[in-house]
């Protein structure tokens, strides 16, 4: 029984079964044109499948190269940023020009000069 799916592979497999079995059939001369046309389309479909797999392989290779390139570029950017911070200072606004955030000087909150109020003590009695 033929596959029922709608994926390209399943559809092409159904075509292949039909093309192969019609070669041996006798008394079906009236469908020879359609048979030849389906056979040509099957060859083209298989060629395109092969091409898609080649492109997938190329995409994987390119993606791995891009990932390595991105990691190397990030490392170089970090190194350059560290040099710029060393030259201009960690809090310098000049770093913004180069795409780096300057460190903000932490602001200390003023101390409360009033007495520290402790929270009320909880009684040990339950339900009293």
C-alpha atoms as a PDB file:
ATOM      1  CA  UNK A   1       0.000   0.000   0.000  1.00  0.00           C
ATOM      2  CA  UNK A   2       1.286   3.444  -0.883  1.00  0.00           C
ATOM      3  CA  UNK A   3       2.169   6.044   1.726  1.00  0.00           C
ATOM      4  CA  UNK A   4      -0.581   8.516   2.592  1.00  0.00           C
ATOM      5  CA  UNK A   5       1.533  11.464   3.685  1.00  0.00           C
ATOM      6  CA  UNK A   6       1.834  14.817   1.970  1.00  0.00           C
ATOM      7  CA  UNK A   7       5.574  15.383   2.330  1.00  0.00           C
ATOM      8  CA  UNK A   8       7.642  15.625  -0.811  1.00  0.00           C
ATOM      9  CA  UNK A   9       9.457  12.372  -0.048  1.00  0.00           C
ATOM     10  CA  UNK A  10       6.206  10.448   0.401  1.00  0.00           C
ATOM     11  CA  UNK A  11       4.665  11.927  -2.722  1.00  0.00           C
ATOM     12  CA  UNK A  12       7.753  11.200  -4.810  1.00  0.00           C
ATOM     13  CA  UNK A  13       7.837   7.650  -3.454  1.00  0.00           C
ATOM     14  CA  UNK A  14       4.248   7.151  -4.662  1.00  0.00           C
ATOM     15  CA  UNK A  15       5.230   8.506  -8.067  1.00  0.00           C
ATOM     16  CA  UNK A  16       8.191   6.090  -8.189  1.00  0.00           C
ATOM     17  CA  UNK A  17       5.957   3.092  -7.438  1.00  0.00           C
ATOM     18  CA  UNK A  18       3.562   4.084 -10.215  1.00  0.00           C
ATOM     19  CA  UNK A  19       6.301   4.762 -12.762  1.00  0.00           C
ATOM     20  CA  UNK A  20       8.072   1.466 -12.000  1.00  0.00           C
ATOM     21  CA  UNK A  21       4.915  -0.630 -12.154  1.00  0.00           C
ATOM     22  CA  UNK A  22       3.562   0.981 -15.334  1.00  0.00           C
ATOM     23  CA  UNK A  23       6.708  -0.026 -17.256  1.00  0.00           C
ATOM     24  CA  UNK A  24       5.652  -3.674 -17.083  1.00  0.00           C
ATOM     25  CA  UNK A  25       1.939  -3.087 -17.719  1.00  0.00           C
ATOM     26  CA  UNK A  26       0.490  -4.221 -21.033  1.00  0.00           C
ATOM     27  CA  UNK A  27      -2.524  -2.879 -22.877  1.00  0.00           C
ATOM     28  CA  UNK A  28      -2.211   0.644 -21.441  1.00  0.00           C
ATOM     29  CA  UNK A  29      -0.838   2.382 -24.512  1.00  0.00           C
ATOM     30  CA  UNK A  30      -3.240   5.283 -24.128  1.00  0.00           C
ATOM     31  CA  UNK A  31      -1.455   6.505 -20.975  1.00  0.00           C
ATOM     32  CA  UNK A  32       2.081   6.376 -22.327  1.00  0.00           C
ATOM     33  CA  UNK A  33       2.298  10.181 -22.674  1.00  0.00           C
ATOM     34  CA  UNK A  34       1.243  10.780 -19.074  1.00  0.00           C
ATOM     35  CA  UNK A  35       3.572   8.002 -17.902  1.00  0.00           C
ATOM     36  CA  UNK A  36       6.551   9.599 -19.670  1.00  0.00           C
ATOM     37  CA  UNK A  37       5.630  13.034 -18.327  1.00  0.00           C
ATOM     38  CA  UNK A  38       5.405  11.703 -14.741  1.00  0.00           C
ATOM     39  CA  UNK A  39       8.733   9.920 -15.205  1.00  0.00           C
ATOM     40  CA  UNK A  40      10.363  13.200 -16.335  1.00  0.00           C
ATOM     41  CA  UNK A  41       8.873  15.061 -13.395  1.00  0.00           C
ATOM     42  CA  UNK A  42      10.137  12.374 -11.038  1.00  0.00           C
ATOM     43  CA  UNK A  43      13.666  12.750 -12.408  1.00  0.00           C
ATOM     44  CA  UNK A  44      13.457  16.520 -11.946  1.00  0.00           C
ATOM     45  CA  UNK A  45      12.048  16.094  -8.429  1.00  0.00           C
ATOM     46  CA  UNK A  46      14.903  13.759  -7.451  1.00  0.00           C
ATOM     47  CA  UNK A  47      17.408  16.244  -8.880  1.00  0.00           C
ATOM     48  CA  UNK A  48      15.873  19.059  -6.841  1.00  0.00           C
ATOM     49  CA  UNK A  49      15.895  16.884  -3.698  1.00  0.00           C
ATOM     50  CA  UNK A  50      19.594  16.274  -4.211  1.00  0.00           C
ATOM     51  CA  UNK A  51      20.208  19.975  -4.719  1.00  0.00           C
ATOM     52  CA  UNK A  52      18.294  20.849  -1.537  1.00  0.00           C
ATOM     53  CA  UNK A  53      20.456  18.412   0.446  1.00  0.00           C
ATOM     54  CA  UNK A  54      23.600  19.983  -1.003  1.00  0.00           C
ATOM     55  CA  UNK A  55      22.368  23.435  -0.015  1.00  0.00           C
ATOM     56  CA  UNK A  56      21.539  22.202   3.500  1.00  0.00           C
ATOM     57  CA  UNK A  57      25.061  20.887   3.814  1.00  0.00           C
ATOM     58  CA  UNK A  58      26.463  24.217   2.632  1.00  0.00           C
ATOM     59  CA  UNK A  59      24.204  26.073   5.073  1.00  0.00           C
ATOM     60  CA  UNK A  60      25.483  23.965   7.986  1.00  0.00           C
ATOM     61  CA  UNK A  61      29.075  24.657   6.971  1.00  0.00           C
ATOM     62  CA  UNK A  62      28.432  28.384   6.599  1.00  0.00           C
ATOM     63  CA  UNK A  63      26.595  28.571   9.922  1.00  0.00           C
ATOM     64  CA  UNK A  64      29.467  26.897  11.765  1.00  0.00           C
ATOM     65  CA  UNK A  65      31.931  29.304  10.123  1.00  0.00           C
ATOM     66  CA  UNK A  66      29.726  32.277  11.065  1.00  0.00           C
ATOM     67  CA  UNK A  67      29.513  31.052  14.674  1.00  0.00           C
ATOM     68  CA  UNK A  68      33.305  30.767  14.908  1.00  0.00           C
ATOM     69  CA  UNK A  69      33.710  34.172  13.266  1.00  0.00           C
ATOM     70  CA  UNK A  70      31.203  35.737  15.685  1.00  0.00           C
ATOM     71  CA  UNK A  71      32.990  34.254  18.711  1.00  0.00           C
ATOM     72  CA  UNK A  72      36.385  35.422  17.464  1.00  0.00           C
ATOM     73  CA  UNK A  73      34.985  38.882  16.713  1.00  0.00           C
ATOM     74  CA  UNK A  74      33.435  39.142  20.180  1.00  0.00           C
ATOM     75  CA  UNK A  75      36.779  38.231  21.744  1.00  0.00           C
ATOM     76  CA  UNK A  76      38.560  40.914  19.699  1.00  0.00           C
ATOM     77  CA  UNK A  77      35.893  43.487  20.577  1.00  0.00           C
ATOM     78  CA  UNK A  78      36.265  42.664  24.271  1.00  0.00           C
ATOM     79  CA  UNK A  79      40.031  43.012  24.046  1.00  0.00           C
ATOM     80  CA  UNK A  80      39.742  46.367  22.285  1.00  0.00           C
ATOM     81  CA  UNK A  81      37.169  47.511  24.838  1.00  0.00           C
ATOM     82  CA  UNK A  82      39.489  46.614  27.687  1.00  0.00           C
ATOM     83  CA  UNK A  83      42.260  48.642  26.053  1.00  0.00           C
ATOM     84  CA  UNK A  84      39.951  51.624  25.589  1.00  0.00           C
ATOM     85  CA  UNK A  85      38.828  51.384  29.211  1.00  0.00           C
ATOM     86  CA  UNK A  86      42.457  51.288  30.270  1.00  0.00           C
ATOM     87  CA  UNK A  87      43.264  54.370  28.231  1.00  0.00           C
ATOM     88  CA  UNK A  88      40.182  56.511  28.928  1.00  0.00           C
ATOM     89  CA  UNK A  89      39.039  55.065  32.258  1.00  0.00           C
ATOM     90  CA  UNK A  90      36.123  52.842  33.133  1.00  0.00           C
ATOM     91  CA  UNK A  91      33.729  55.729  33.740  1.00  0.00           C
ATOM     92  CA  UNK A  92      34.699  57.910  30.769  1.00  0.00           C
ATOM     93  CA  UNK A  93      31.861  59.066  28.517  1.00  0.00           C
ATOM     94  CA  UNK A  94      34.260  58.718  25.562  1.00  0.00           C
ATOM     95  CA  UNK A  95      33.596  54.951  25.644  1.00  0.00           C
ATOM     96  CA  UNK A  96      30.081  55.591  24.319  1.00  0.00           C
ATOM     97  CA  UNK A  97      31.594  56.784  21.027  1.00  0.00           C
ATOM     98  CA  UNK A  98      33.131  53.312  20.566  1.00  0.00           C
ATOM     99  CA  UNK A  99      29.991  51.395  21.518  1.00  0.00           C
ATOM    100  CA  UNK A 100      30.805  50.604  25.151  1.00  0.00           C
ATOM    101  CA  UNK A 101      28.867  51.558  28.239  1.00  0.00           C
ATOM    102  CA  UNK A 102      30.898  53.428  30.811  1.00  0.00           C
ATOM    103  CA  UNK A 103      30.614  52.196  34.352  1.00  0.00           C
ATOM    104  CA  UNK A 104      28.380  54.308  36.481  1.00  0.00           C
ATOM    105  CA  UNK A 105      29.748  55.541  39.762  1.00  0.00           C
ATOM    106  CA  UNK A 106      27.587  53.980  42.441  1.00  0.00           C
ATOM    107  CA  UNK A 107      25.730  56.554  44.495  1.00  0.00           C
ATOM    108  CA  UNK A 108      25.652  55.859  48.189  1.00  0.00           C
ATOM    109  CA  UNK A 109      22.475  56.484  50.037  1.00  0.00           C
ATOM    110  CA  UNK A 110      22.788  58.852  52.949  1.00  0.00           C
ATOM    111  CA  UNK A 111      22.735  57.170  56.314  1.00  0.00           C
ATOM    112  CA  UNK A 112      19.627  57.621  58.412  1.00  0.00           C
ATOM    113  CA  UNK A 113      20.763  59.515  61.425  1.00  0.00           C
ATOM    114  CA  UNK A 114      17.635  58.714  63.438  1.00  0.00           C
ATOM    115  CA  UNK A 115      17.414  55.836  65.890  1.00  0.00           C
ATOM    116  CA  UNK A 116      17.047  52.375  64.437  1.00  0.00           C
ATOM    117  CA  UNK A 117      13.597  51.043  65.270  1.00  0.00           C
ATOM    118  CA  UNK A 118      13.503  47.333  65.911  1.00  0.00           C
ATOM    119  CA  UNK A 119      10.414  45.422  64.858  1.00  0.00           C
ATOM    120  CA  UNK A 120       8.061  44.526  67.702  1.00  0.00           C
ATOM    121  CA  UNK A 121       8.822  41.267  69.429  1.00  0.00           C
ATOM    122  CA  UNK A 122       6.399  38.433  68.803  1.00  0.00           C
ATOM    123  CA  UNK A 123       4.873  36.834  71.812  1.00  0.00           C
ATOM    124  CA  UNK A 124       5.334  33.144  72.352  1.00  0.00           C
ATOM    125  CA  UNK A 125       1.690  32.683  73.382  1.00  0.00           C
ATOM    126  CA  UNK A 126      -0.592  31.171  70.802  1.00  0.00           C
ATOM    127  CA  UNK A 127      -4.284  32.011  70.940  1.00  0.00           C
ATOM    128  CA  UNK A 128      -3.995  34.100  74.072  1.00  0.00           C
END
